[in-house]
Protein backbone atom coordinates (compact mmCIF):
# COMPACT_ATOMS: atom_id res chain seq x y z
CA MET A 1 15.34 -12.68 11.72
CA PRO A 2 14.61 -12.10 8.02
CA ASP A 3 17.28 -10.16 6.16
CA ALA A 4 15.69 -6.74 5.66
CA SER A 5 18.20 -5.93 2.92
CA TYR A 6 16.85 -8.75 0.75
CA ASP A 7 16.65 -7.79 -2.91
CA SER A 8 15.46 -10.64 -5.10
CA ASP A 9 16.54 -11.00 -8.70
CA ASP A 10 13.89 -11.00 -11.41
CA ARG A 11 13.89 -14.78 -11.81
CA THR A 12 13.38 -15.42 -8.12
CA ALA A 13 10.60 -12.81 -7.97
CA LEU A 14 8.80 -14.49 -10.89
CA ILE A 15 9.06 -17.89 -9.21
CA LEU A 16 7.65 -16.56 -5.96
CA GLU A 17 4.72 -14.94 -7.76
CA SER A 18 3.97 -18.14 -9.68
CA VAL A 19 3.90 -20.40 -6.61
CA LYS A 20 1.60 -18.15 -4.58
CA ARG A 21 -1.60 -19.55 -6.02
CA ALA A 22 -0.53 -23.17 -5.57
CA PHE A 23 0.25 -22.46 -1.92
CA ALA A 24 -3.01 -20.56 -1.41
CA GLU A 25 -5.21 -23.13 -3.17
CA LYS A 26 -3.65 -26.37 -1.91
CA GLY A 27 -2.42 -25.21 1.47
CA PHE A 28 1.06 -25.21 2.94
CA ASP A 29 1.02 -28.96 3.57
CA GLY A 30 -1.10 -29.90 0.56
CA ALA A 31 1.16 -28.25 -2.03
CA SER A 32 4.12 -30.50 -2.74
CA MET A 33 7.44 -29.20 -4.01
CA GLN A 34 6.52 -30.84 -7.33
CA ASP A 35 3.26 -28.83 -7.38
CA LEU A 36 5.20 -25.64 -6.73
CA ALA A 37 7.78 -26.43 -9.40
CA ARG A 38 4.98 -27.14 -11.88
CA ALA A 39 3.31 -23.84 -11.01
CA ALA A 40 6.60 -22.10 -11.72
CA GLY A 41 6.94 -23.91 -15.05
CA MET A 42 10.15 -25.59 -13.95
CA SER A 43 11.48 -29.07 -13.47
CA ALA A 44 11.69 -30.19 -9.84
CA GLY A 45 15.46 -30.38 -10.06
CA ASN A 46 15.80 -26.82 -11.32
CA PHE A 47 13.26 -25.57 -8.78
CA TYR A 48 15.28 -27.07 -5.92
CA ARG A 49 18.28 -25.03 -7.06
CA TYR A 50 16.34 -21.90 -6.13
CA PHE A 51 14.41 -23.20 -3.14
CA PRO A 52 15.46 -26.41 -1.37
CA SER A 53 12.38 -26.43 0.89
CA LYS A 54 9.02 -24.81 1.59
CA ASP A 55 10.60 -23.03 4.53
CA ALA A 56 13.06 -21.42 2.11
CA ILE A 57 10.16 -20.23 -0.05
CA VAL A 58 8.35 -18.71 2.92
CA SER A 59 11.57 -17.05 4.08
CA ALA A 60 12.04 -15.50 0.63
CA MET A 61 8.42 -14.30 0.55
CA ILE A 62 8.80 -12.71 3.96
CA MET A 63 12.08 -11.02 3.05
CA ARG A 64 10.58 -9.66 -0.17
CA ASP A 65 7.48 -8.32 1.59
CA LEU A 66 9.62 -6.82 4.32
CA ALA A 67 11.82 -5.05 1.77
CA GLU A 68 8.68 -3.53 0.23
CA VAL A 69 7.40 -2.44 3.64
CA LYS A 70 10.74 -0.82 4.47
CA ALA A 71 10.61 1.10 1.18
CA ASP A 72 7.08 2.30 2.06
CA PHE A 73 8.28 3.53 5.46
CA ALA A 74 11.25 5.34 3.90
CA CYS A 75 8.79 7.28 1.72
CA LEU A 76 6.54 7.88 4.71
CA LEU A 77 9.33 9.44 6.77
CA ALA A 78 10.15 11.78 3.88
CA SER A 79 6.52 12.85 3.48
CA PRO A 80 5.40 16.34 4.56
CA ASP A 81 2.37 14.66 6.19
CA PRO A 82 3.61 11.38 7.67
CA ALA A 83 0.33 10.59 9.44
CA GLU A 84 -1.64 10.79 6.22
CA ALA A 85 1.09 8.85 4.41
CA LEU A 86 0.92 6.08 7.02
CA PHE A 87 -2.83 5.76 6.62
CA ALA A 88 -2.52 5.82 2.83
CA ALA A 89 0.02 2.98 2.99
CA PHE A 90 -2.44 0.82 4.95
CA GLU A 91 -5.29 1.76 2.61
CA ILE A 92 -3.35 0.99 -0.57
CA ARG A 93 -2.10 -2.35 0.71
CA LEU A 94 -5.55 -3.40 1.90
CA GLU A 95 -7.25 -2.37 -1.34
CA ASN A 96 -4.61 -3.68 -3.73
CA LYS A 97 -3.74 -7.04 -2.20
CA ASN A 98 -3.27 -9.72 -4.83
CA SER A 99 -6.27 -12.05 -4.91
CA CYS A 100 -4.23 -14.94 -3.53
CA ASP A 101 -2.18 -12.96 -0.99
CA GLY A 102 -4.82 -13.22 1.73
CA PRO A 103 -5.24 -17.00 1.45
CA LEU A 104 -1.47 -17.41 1.09
CA TRP A 105 -0.64 -15.59 4.31
CA ALA A 106 -3.51 -17.31 6.10
CA GLU A 107 -1.86 -20.61 5.14
CA ILE A 108 1.54 -19.39 6.30
CA ASP A 109 0.07 -18.28 9.64
CA ALA A 110 -1.62 -21.67 10.02
CA ALA A 111 1.69 -23.40 9.26
CA ALA A 112 3.39 -21.18 11.85
CA ARG A 113 1.15 -22.66 14.54
CA ARG A 114 2.50 -26.12 13.73
CA LYS A 115 6.06 -25.45 12.60
CA PRO A 116 8.47 -23.61 14.92
CA ASP A 117 10.79 -22.55 12.08
CA ILE A 118 7.94 -20.89 10.18
CA ALA A 119 6.67 -19.34 13.43
CA ARG A 120 10.08 -17.75 14.02
CA LEU A 121 10.11 -16.27 10.52
CA VAL A 122 6.58 -14.84 10.86
CA ARG A 123 7.28 -13.47 14.33
CA ALA A 124 10.52 -11.84 13.18
CA MET A 125 8.69 -10.11 10.34
CA GLU A 126 5.88 -8.90 12.60
CA ASP A 127 8.38 -7.62 15.16
CA GLU A 128 10.24 -5.68 12.48
CA VAL A 129 7.04 -4.19 11.06
CA CYS A 130 5.99 -3.16 14.59
CA ALA A 131 9.41 -1.54 15.08
CA LEU A 132 8.95 0.37 11.82
CA LEU A 133 5.49 1.48 12.93
CA THR A 134 6.70 2.74 16.32
CA ALA A 135 9.53 4.61 14.54
CA ALA A 136 6.90 6.22 12.30
CA MET A 137 4.81 7.08 15.35
CA ALA A 138 7.87 8.68 16.96
CA HIS A 139 8.31 10.76 13.80
CA ILE A 140 4.63 11.78 13.76
CA THR A 141 4.55 12.78 17.43
CA GLY A 142 8.08 14.17 17.69
CA ARG A 143 8.90 11.77 20.51
CA ASP A 144 12.18 10.05 21.21
CA PRO A 145 12.17 6.63 19.45
CA THR A 146 12.86 4.76 22.69
CA GLU A 147 9.97 6.53 24.41
CA ALA A 148 7.73 5.85 21.40
CA GLN A 149 8.56 2.16 21.58
CA THR A 150 7.29 2.08 25.15
CA LEU A 151 4.22 4.22 24.48
CA TYR A 152 3.07 2.85 21.12
CA ALA A 153 4.10 -0.81 21.03
CA GLY A 154 0.51 -1.87 21.74
CA GLN A 155 -0.92 0.38 19.04
CA ALA A 156 1.60 -0.89 16.50
CA ALA A 157 0.80 -4.52 17.35
CA PHE A 158 -2.93 -3.77 17.11
CA LEU A 159 -2.55 -2.23 13.64
CA VAL A 160 -0.57 -5.24 12.40
CA LEU A 161 -3.13 -7.64 13.87
CA MET A 162 -6.08 -5.78 12.34
CA PHE A 163 -4.44 -5.49 8.94
CA LYS A 164 -3.55 -9.18 8.84
CA ALA A 165 -7.01 -10.31 9.94
CA ALA A 166 -8.71 -8.02 7.43
CA SER A 167 -6.48 -9.02 4.51
CA HIS A 168 -7.00 -12.71 5.27
CA ARG A 169 -10.76 -12.31 5.48
CA LEU A 170 -11.39 -9.91 2.62
CA HIS A 171 -9.28 -11.80 0.10
CA GLU A 172 -9.90 -15.42 1.07
CA TYR A 173 -11.26 -17.89 -1.47
CA ASP A 174 -14.95 -18.77 -1.10
CA CYS A 175 -15.46 -15.94 1.37
CA PRO A 176 -18.83 -16.63 3.09
CA THR A 177 -19.76 -12.95 3.14
CA GLY A 178 -20.82 -11.11 0.01
CA ALA A 179 -19.18 -8.24 -1.79
CA GLN A 180 -21.40 -5.64 -0.11
CA THR A 181 -20.60 -6.92 3.39
CA ASN A 182 -16.90 -7.08 2.53
CA SER A 183 -17.05 -3.47 1.39
CA GLN A 184 -18.60 -2.47 4.72
CA VAL A 185 -16.00 -4.46 6.66
CA ARG A 186 -13.19 -2.81 4.69
CA LYS A 187 -14.70 0.62 5.44
CA PHE A 188 -14.87 -0.10 9.19
CA VAL A 189 -11.32 -1.48 9.25
CA LEU A 190 -9.95 1.60 7.48
CA ALA A 191 -11.92 3.90 9.77
CA THR A 192 -10.45 2.15 12.82
CA ILE A 193 -6.91 2.40 11.41
CA LYS A 194 -7.44 6.08 10.61
CA ARG A 195 -8.69 6.74 14.15
CA ALA A 196 -5.67 4.98 15.67
CA ILE A 197 -3.31 7.12 13.57
CA SER A 198 -5.34 10.31 14.09
CA ASP A 199 -5.03 9.90 17.85
CA LEU A 200 -1.27 10.37 17.48
CA VAL A 201 -1.61 13.73 15.76
CA PRO A 202 -1.69 16.99 17.76
CA ALA A 203 -5.25 18.27 18.10
CA ALA A 204 -4.49 21.39 16.07
CA THR A 205 -3.82 19.35 12.93
CA ARG A 206 -6.02 16.32 13.57
CA ASP A 207 -8.95 17.53 11.45
CA GLU A 208 -6.75 17.40 8.35
CA LEU A 209 -6.39 13.61 8.64
CA ARG A 210 -10.13 13.14 9.15
């Protein structure tokens, strides 16, 4: 499982940002370690000191994203309106995805279908995000966390699946649909996420989220 306490130093964070586009444009298999080192402005030998393999790069990306997600959920749990905060977190992440994040994670998901080690990393991250979501749902509904895990595991998995599919599609290179269609798709995705979260809220306060 990815180390949720991961806290990258500035140099590592800069390297990860610089290699994203090479991964997204050339694909997981198409981008060589030399390509990634070049994208980072480093010699291959120095690059290998930070990341000995593509799997190590993906692991670091997952750990960094997971650390950011955990920080978002910590803020959510402290919010006076956790349901609205949960929706806002989805909305902000969907709207503000880096232009190469969608293609990058689409490539990582494709690699996961061929490479068991990558699949384990991706699955571990998704499982942890789903656990965070069910904990948030327990907080929103006032249910026991164990009961919430049983009741809301499907909803959490659905939200993760929808978010991933939408971020891949809306931010992919050479997207076959135009900007107007993408805007409509984004609106429908957000409406569906809002409805799923709204259904958790007691009827007396549900209108506030809508």
